[in-house]
Amino acid sequence: MGIFEAIVVFVCSWWLVFLPILSAGTRSQHEAGAVAPGTERGAPEKPSFRPKILIATAGAAIITILVWLTLFMGWLEFLIPKE
């Protein structure tokens, strides 16, 4: 796997990790009881992006390393039919 493929795997896995954890641990303004004027009641009170971005980056790095290791070690060679 070259550098371009590694970047593609990292970016795809980053989004696949980030999107599911985006709503984790957030409370809406309605649940908190303090709706700011001019905003939607369901808008998050404190989205706290920094920990979510760090978790997504660490998860994507682990996934990228696992994909590289799988390809480098040839662990899936048995799936390729031999002529």
C-alpha atoms as a PDB file:
ATOM      1  CA  MET A   1       0.000   0.000   0.000  1.00  0.00           C
ATOM      2  CA  GLY A   2       1.437   3.307  -1.102  1.00  0.00           C
ATOM      3  CA  ILE A   3       1.131   6.686   0.565  1.00  0.00           C
ATOM      4  CA  PHE A   4      -1.867   7.702  -1.548  1.00  0.00           C
ATOM      5  CA  GLU A   5      -3.772   4.539  -0.656  1.00  0.00           C
ATOM      6  CA  ALA A   6      -2.898   5.027   3.022  1.00  0.00           C
ATOM      7  CA  ILE A   7      -4.263   8.580   2.917  1.00  0.00           C
ATOM      8  CA  VAL A   8      -7.476   7.372   1.255  1.00  0.00           C
ATOM      9  CA  VAL A   9      -7.926   4.612   3.863  1.00  0.00           C
ATOM     10  CA  PHE A  10      -7.237   7.113   6.674  1.00  0.00           C
ATOM     11  CA  VAL A  11      -9.724   9.715   5.404  1.00  0.00           C
ATOM     12  CA  CYS A  12     -12.484   7.171   4.758  1.00  0.00           C
ATOM     13  CA  SER A  13     -12.007   5.489   8.116  1.00  0.00           C
ATOM     14  CA  TRP A  14     -11.823   8.877   9.875  1.00  0.00           C
ATOM     15  CA  TRP A  15     -15.283   9.785   8.620  1.00  0.00           C
ATOM     16  CA  LEU A  16     -16.612   6.292   9.378  1.00  0.00           C
ATOM     17  CA  VAL A  17     -15.454   6.682  12.985  1.00  0.00           C
ATOM     18  CA  PHE A  18     -16.363  10.372  13.376  1.00  0.00           C
ATOM     19  CA  LEU A  19     -19.962  10.309  12.160  1.00  0.00           C
ATOM     20  CA  PRO A  20     -21.278   7.691  14.629  1.00  0.00           C
ATOM     21  CA  ILE A  21     -19.659   9.388  17.648  1.00  0.00           C
ATOM     22  CA  LEU A  22     -20.716  12.884  16.612  1.00  0.00           C
ATOM     23  CA  SER A  23     -23.943  12.786  18.585  1.00  0.00           C
ATOM     24  CA  ALA A  24     -22.573  10.822  21.535  1.00  0.00           C
ATOM     25  CA  GLY A  25     -22.795  12.657  24.842  1.00  0.00           C
ATOM     26  CA  THR A  26     -24.560  15.755  23.535  1.00  0.00           C
ATOM     27  CA  ARG A  27     -27.646  17.289  25.066  1.00  0.00           C
ATOM     28  CA  SER A  28     -30.075  19.474  23.185  1.00  0.00           C
ATOM     29  CA  GLN A  29     -30.858  22.986  24.339  1.00  0.00           C
ATOM     30  CA  HIS A  30     -34.395  21.819  25.078  1.00  0.00           C
ATOM     31  CA  GLU A  31     -33.121  19.045  27.389  1.00  0.00           C
ATOM     32  CA  ALA A  32     -30.796  21.493  29.131  1.00  0.00           C
ATOM     33  CA  GLY A  33     -33.649  23.967  29.637  1.00  0.00           C
ATOM     34  CA  ALA A  34     -31.812  26.944  28.122  1.00  0.00           C
ATOM     35  CA  VAL A  35     -32.859  27.629  24.526  1.00  0.00           C
ATOM     36  CA  ALA A  36     -30.932  30.530  23.006  1.00  0.00           C
ATOM     37  CA  PRO A  37     -33.165  32.976  21.110  1.00  0.00           C
ATOM     38  CA  GLY A  38     -33.155  32.407  17.360  1.00  0.00           C
ATOM     39  CA  THR A  39     -31.877  28.830  17.513  1.00  0.00           C
ATOM     40  CA  GLU A  40     -33.509  25.440  17.069  1.00  0.00           C
ATOM     41  CA  ARG A  41     -34.611  23.748  20.300  1.00  0.00           C
ATOM     42  CA  GLY A  42     -32.872  20.539  19.239  1.00  0.00           C
ATOM     43  CA  ALA A  43     -29.510  22.234  18.664  1.00  0.00           C
ATOM     44  CA  PRO A  44     -26.723  20.879  20.879  1.00  0.00           C
ATOM     45  CA  GLU A  45     -25.924  22.799  24.038  1.00  0.00           C
ATOM     46  CA  LYS A  46     -22.168  22.070  24.049  1.00  0.00           C
ATOM     47  CA  PRO A  47     -21.056  19.983  21.061  1.00  0.00           C
ATOM     48  CA  SER A  48     -17.459  19.453  22.372  1.00  0.00           C
ATOM     49  CA  PHE A  49     -15.773  18.644  19.080  1.00  0.00           C
ATOM     50  CA  ARG A  50     -12.185  18.357  20.324  1.00  0.00           C
ATOM     51  CA  PRO A  51     -12.479  14.955  22.090  1.00  0.00           C
ATOM     52  CA  LYS A  52     -14.566  13.575  19.243  1.00  0.00           C
ATOM     53  CA  ILE A  53     -11.995  14.659  16.666  1.00  0.00           C
ATOM     54  CA  LEU A  54      -9.187  13.106  18.725  1.00  0.00           C
ATOM     55  CA  ILE A  55     -11.100   9.832  19.094  1.00  0.00           C
ATOM     56  CA  ALA A  56     -11.833   9.759  15.349  1.00  0.00           C
ATOM     57  CA  THR A  57      -8.163  10.446  14.529  1.00  0.00           C
ATOM     58  CA  ALA A  58      -6.920   7.707  16.855  1.00  0.00           C
ATOM     59  CA  GLY A  59      -9.500   5.249  15.532  1.00  0.00           C
ATOM     60  CA  ALA A  60      -8.644   6.049  11.914  1.00  0.00           C
ATOM     61  CA  ALA A  61      -4.926   5.634  12.642  1.00  0.00           C
ATOM     62  CA  ILE A  62      -5.551   2.219  14.190  1.00  0.00           C
ATOM     63  CA  ILE A  63      -7.725   1.126  11.270  1.00  0.00           C
ATOM     64  CA  THR A  64      -5.146   2.362   8.743  1.00  0.00           C
ATOM     65  CA  ILE A  65      -2.361   0.478  10.538  1.00  0.00           C
ATOM     66  CA  LEU A  66      -4.475  -2.687  10.632  1.00  0.00           C
ATOM     67  CA  VAL A  67      -5.253  -2.456   6.904  1.00  0.00           C
ATOM     68  CA  TRP A  68      -1.584  -1.868   6.094  1.00  0.00           C
ATOM     69  CA  LEU A  69      -0.503  -4.737   8.335  1.00  0.00           C
ATOM     70  CA  THR A  70      -3.062  -7.069   6.753  1.00  0.00           C
ATOM     71  CA  LEU A  71      -1.858  -6.226   3.249  1.00  0.00           C
ATOM     72  CA  PHE A  72       1.841  -6.258   4.145  1.00  0.00           C
ATOM     73  CA  MET A  73       1.723  -9.598   5.949  1.00  0.00           C
ATOM     74  CA  GLY A  74      -0.441 -11.185   3.242  1.00  0.00           C
ATOM     75  CA  TRP A  75      -3.058 -12.474   5.670  1.00  0.00           C
ATOM     76  CA  LEU A  76      -5.721 -12.518   2.949  1.00  0.00           C
ATOM     77  CA  GLU A  77      -3.680 -14.353   0.323  1.00  0.00           C
ATOM     78  CA  PHE A  78      -5.768 -17.514   0.800  1.00  0.00           C
ATOM     79  CA  LEU A  79      -8.769 -15.719  -0.742  1.00  0.00           C
ATOM     80  CA  ILE A  80      -7.013 -15.292  -4.083  1.00  0.00           C
ATOM     81  CA  PRO A  81      -7.667 -18.291  -6.363  1.00  0.00           C
ATOM     82  CA  LYS A  82      -4.537 -19.935  -7.746  1.00  0.00           C
ATOM     83  CA  GLU A  83      -4.383 -20.876 -11.412  1.00  0.00           C
END
